[in-house]
Amino acid sequence: MSDDTRDRVIRLETEIDHITAKLDDMQKKVNAMHDLLMQARGMRWLIVCMAAMAGFLASFASKYLPFSK
């Protein structure tokens, strides 16, 4: 191999190592976000139930409060 080709191969190996490290870091971040979203799954149903209950109570209150006077 000529010196120029050898230098280019060395530079390419360095770039591949850098890209591999960045991909590993991004994979860790994606896994952390996925774990966080999976934990929030149950909370989503709690929020939906609380909103439904609040809507029911608001409609009940608006229906019967005017007659309480």
C-alpha atoms as a PDB file:
ATOM      1  CA  MET A   1       0.000   0.000   0.000  1.00  0.00           C
ATOM      2  CA  SER A   2       1.179   3.449  -0.697  1.00  0.00           C
ATOM      3  CA  ASP A   3       1.567   5.963   2.105  1.00  0.00           C
ATOM      4  CA  ASP A   4      -1.410   7.989   0.887  1.00  0.00           C
ATOM      5  CA  THR A   5      -3.720   4.950   0.901  1.00  0.00           C
ATOM      6  CA  ARG A   6      -2.472   3.906   4.316  1.00  0.00           C
ATOM      7  CA  ASP A   7      -3.126   7.373   5.748  1.00  0.00           C
ATOM      8  CA  ARG A   8      -6.627   7.395   4.293  1.00  0.00           C
ATOM      9  CA  VAL A   9      -7.379   3.959   5.785  1.00  0.00           C
ATOM     10  CA  ILE A  10      -6.131   5.105   9.201  1.00  0.00           C
ATOM     11  CA  ARG A  11      -8.276   8.245   8.973  1.00  0.00           C
ATOM     12  CA  LEU A  12     -11.274   6.148   7.933  1.00  0.00           C
ATOM     13  CA  GLU A  13     -10.787   3.796  10.891  1.00  0.00           C
ATOM     14  CA  THR A  14     -10.656   6.783  13.230  1.00  0.00           C
ATOM     15  CA  GLU A  15     -13.883   8.177  11.773  1.00  0.00           C
ATOM     16  CA  ILE A  16     -15.597   4.795  12.099  1.00  0.00           C
ATOM     17  CA  ASP A  17     -14.536   4.577  15.753  1.00  0.00           C
ATOM     18  CA  HIS A  18     -15.959   8.067  16.346  1.00  0.00           C
ATOM     19  CA  ILE A  19     -19.239   7.198  14.592  1.00  0.00           C
ATOM     20  CA  THR A  20     -19.522   3.968  16.570  1.00  0.00           C
ATOM     21  CA  ALA A  21     -19.070   5.852  19.838  1.00  0.00           C
ATOM     22  CA  LYS A  22     -21.740   8.386  18.834  1.00  0.00           C
ATOM     23  CA  LEU A  23     -24.159   5.617  17.872  1.00  0.00           C
ATOM     24  CA  ASP A  24     -23.602   3.877  21.215  1.00  0.00           C
ATOM     25  CA  ASP A  25     -24.338   7.147  23.015  1.00  0.00           C
ATOM     26  CA  MET A  26     -27.509   7.712  20.968  1.00  0.00           C
ATOM     27  CA  GLN A  27     -28.638   4.143  21.635  1.00  0.00           C
ATOM     28  CA  LYS A  28     -28.302   4.724  25.382  1.00  0.00           C
ATOM     29  CA  LYS A  29     -30.396   7.891  25.105  1.00  0.00           C
ATOM     30  CA  VAL A  30     -33.081   6.162  23.036  1.00  0.00           C
ATOM     31  CA  ASN A  31     -33.250   3.306  25.531  1.00  0.00           C
ATOM     32  CA  ALA A  32     -33.596   5.790  28.402  1.00  0.00           C
ATOM     33  CA  MET A  33     -36.430   7.617  26.618  1.00  0.00           C
ATOM     34  CA  HIS A  34     -38.164   4.317  25.834  1.00  0.00           C
ATOM     35  CA  ASP A  35     -37.944   3.235  29.461  1.00  0.00           C
ATOM     36  CA  LEU A  36     -39.355   6.581  30.576  1.00  0.00           C
ATOM     37  CA  LEU A  37     -42.264   6.336  28.155  1.00  0.00           C
ATOM     38  CA  MET A  38     -43.020   2.787  29.242  1.00  0.00           C
ATOM     39  CA  GLN A  39     -43.176   3.958  32.861  1.00  0.00           C
ATOM     40  CA  ALA A  40     -45.574   6.759  31.913  1.00  0.00           C
ATOM     41  CA  ARG A  41     -48.023   4.329  30.283  1.00  0.00           C
ATOM     42  CA  GLY A  42     -50.005   3.755  33.462  1.00  0.00           C
ATOM     43  CA  MET A  43     -50.022   7.459  34.278  1.00  0.00           C
ATOM     44  CA  ARG A  44     -51.744   8.148  30.957  1.00  0.00           C
ATOM     45  CA  TRP A  45     -54.759   6.088  32.030  1.00  0.00           C
ATOM     46  CA  LEU A  46     -54.829   7.818  35.407  1.00  0.00           C
ATOM     47  CA  ILE A  47     -54.916  11.223  33.697  1.00  0.00           C
ATOM     48  CA  VAL A  48     -57.704  10.088  31.349  1.00  0.00           C
ATOM     49  CA  CYS A  49     -59.761   8.782  34.290  1.00  0.00           C
ATOM     50  CA  MET A  50     -59.215  11.981  36.273  1.00  0.00           C
ATOM     51  CA  ALA A  51     -60.294  14.095  33.292  1.00  0.00           C
ATOM     52  CA  ALA A  52     -63.410  11.973  32.824  1.00  0.00           C
ATOM     53  CA  MET A  53     -64.274  12.278  36.519  1.00  0.00           C
ATOM     54  CA  ALA A  54     -63.727  16.039  36.438  1.00  0.00           C
ATOM     55  CA  GLY A  55     -65.978  16.330  33.382  1.00  0.00           C
ATOM     56  CA  PHE A  56     -68.688  14.278  35.063  1.00  0.00           C
ATOM     57  CA  LEU A  57     -68.515  16.336  38.259  1.00  0.00           C
ATOM     58  CA  ALA A  58     -68.578  19.605  36.298  1.00  0.00           C
ATOM     59  CA  SER A  59     -71.642  18.539  34.308  1.00  0.00           C
ATOM     60  CA  PHE A  60     -73.339  17.288  37.483  1.00  0.00           C
ATOM     61  CA  ALA A  61     -72.573  20.543  39.295  1.00  0.00           C
ATOM     62  CA  SER A  62     -73.803  22.726  36.427  1.00  0.00           C
ATOM     63  CA  LYS A  63     -77.002  20.711  36.238  1.00  0.00           C
ATOM     64  CA  TYR A  64     -77.968  20.804  39.930  1.00  0.00           C
ATOM     65  CA  LEU A  65     -76.339  23.948  41.381  1.00  0.00           C
ATOM     66  CA  PRO A  66     -78.772  26.477  39.824  1.00  0.00           C
ATOM     67  CA  PHE A  67     -81.680  24.756  41.628  1.00  0.00           C
ATOM     68  CA  SER A  68     -80.044  24.830  45.046  1.00  0.00           C
ATOM     69  CA  LYS A  69     -80.987  28.497  45.657  1.00  0.00           C
END
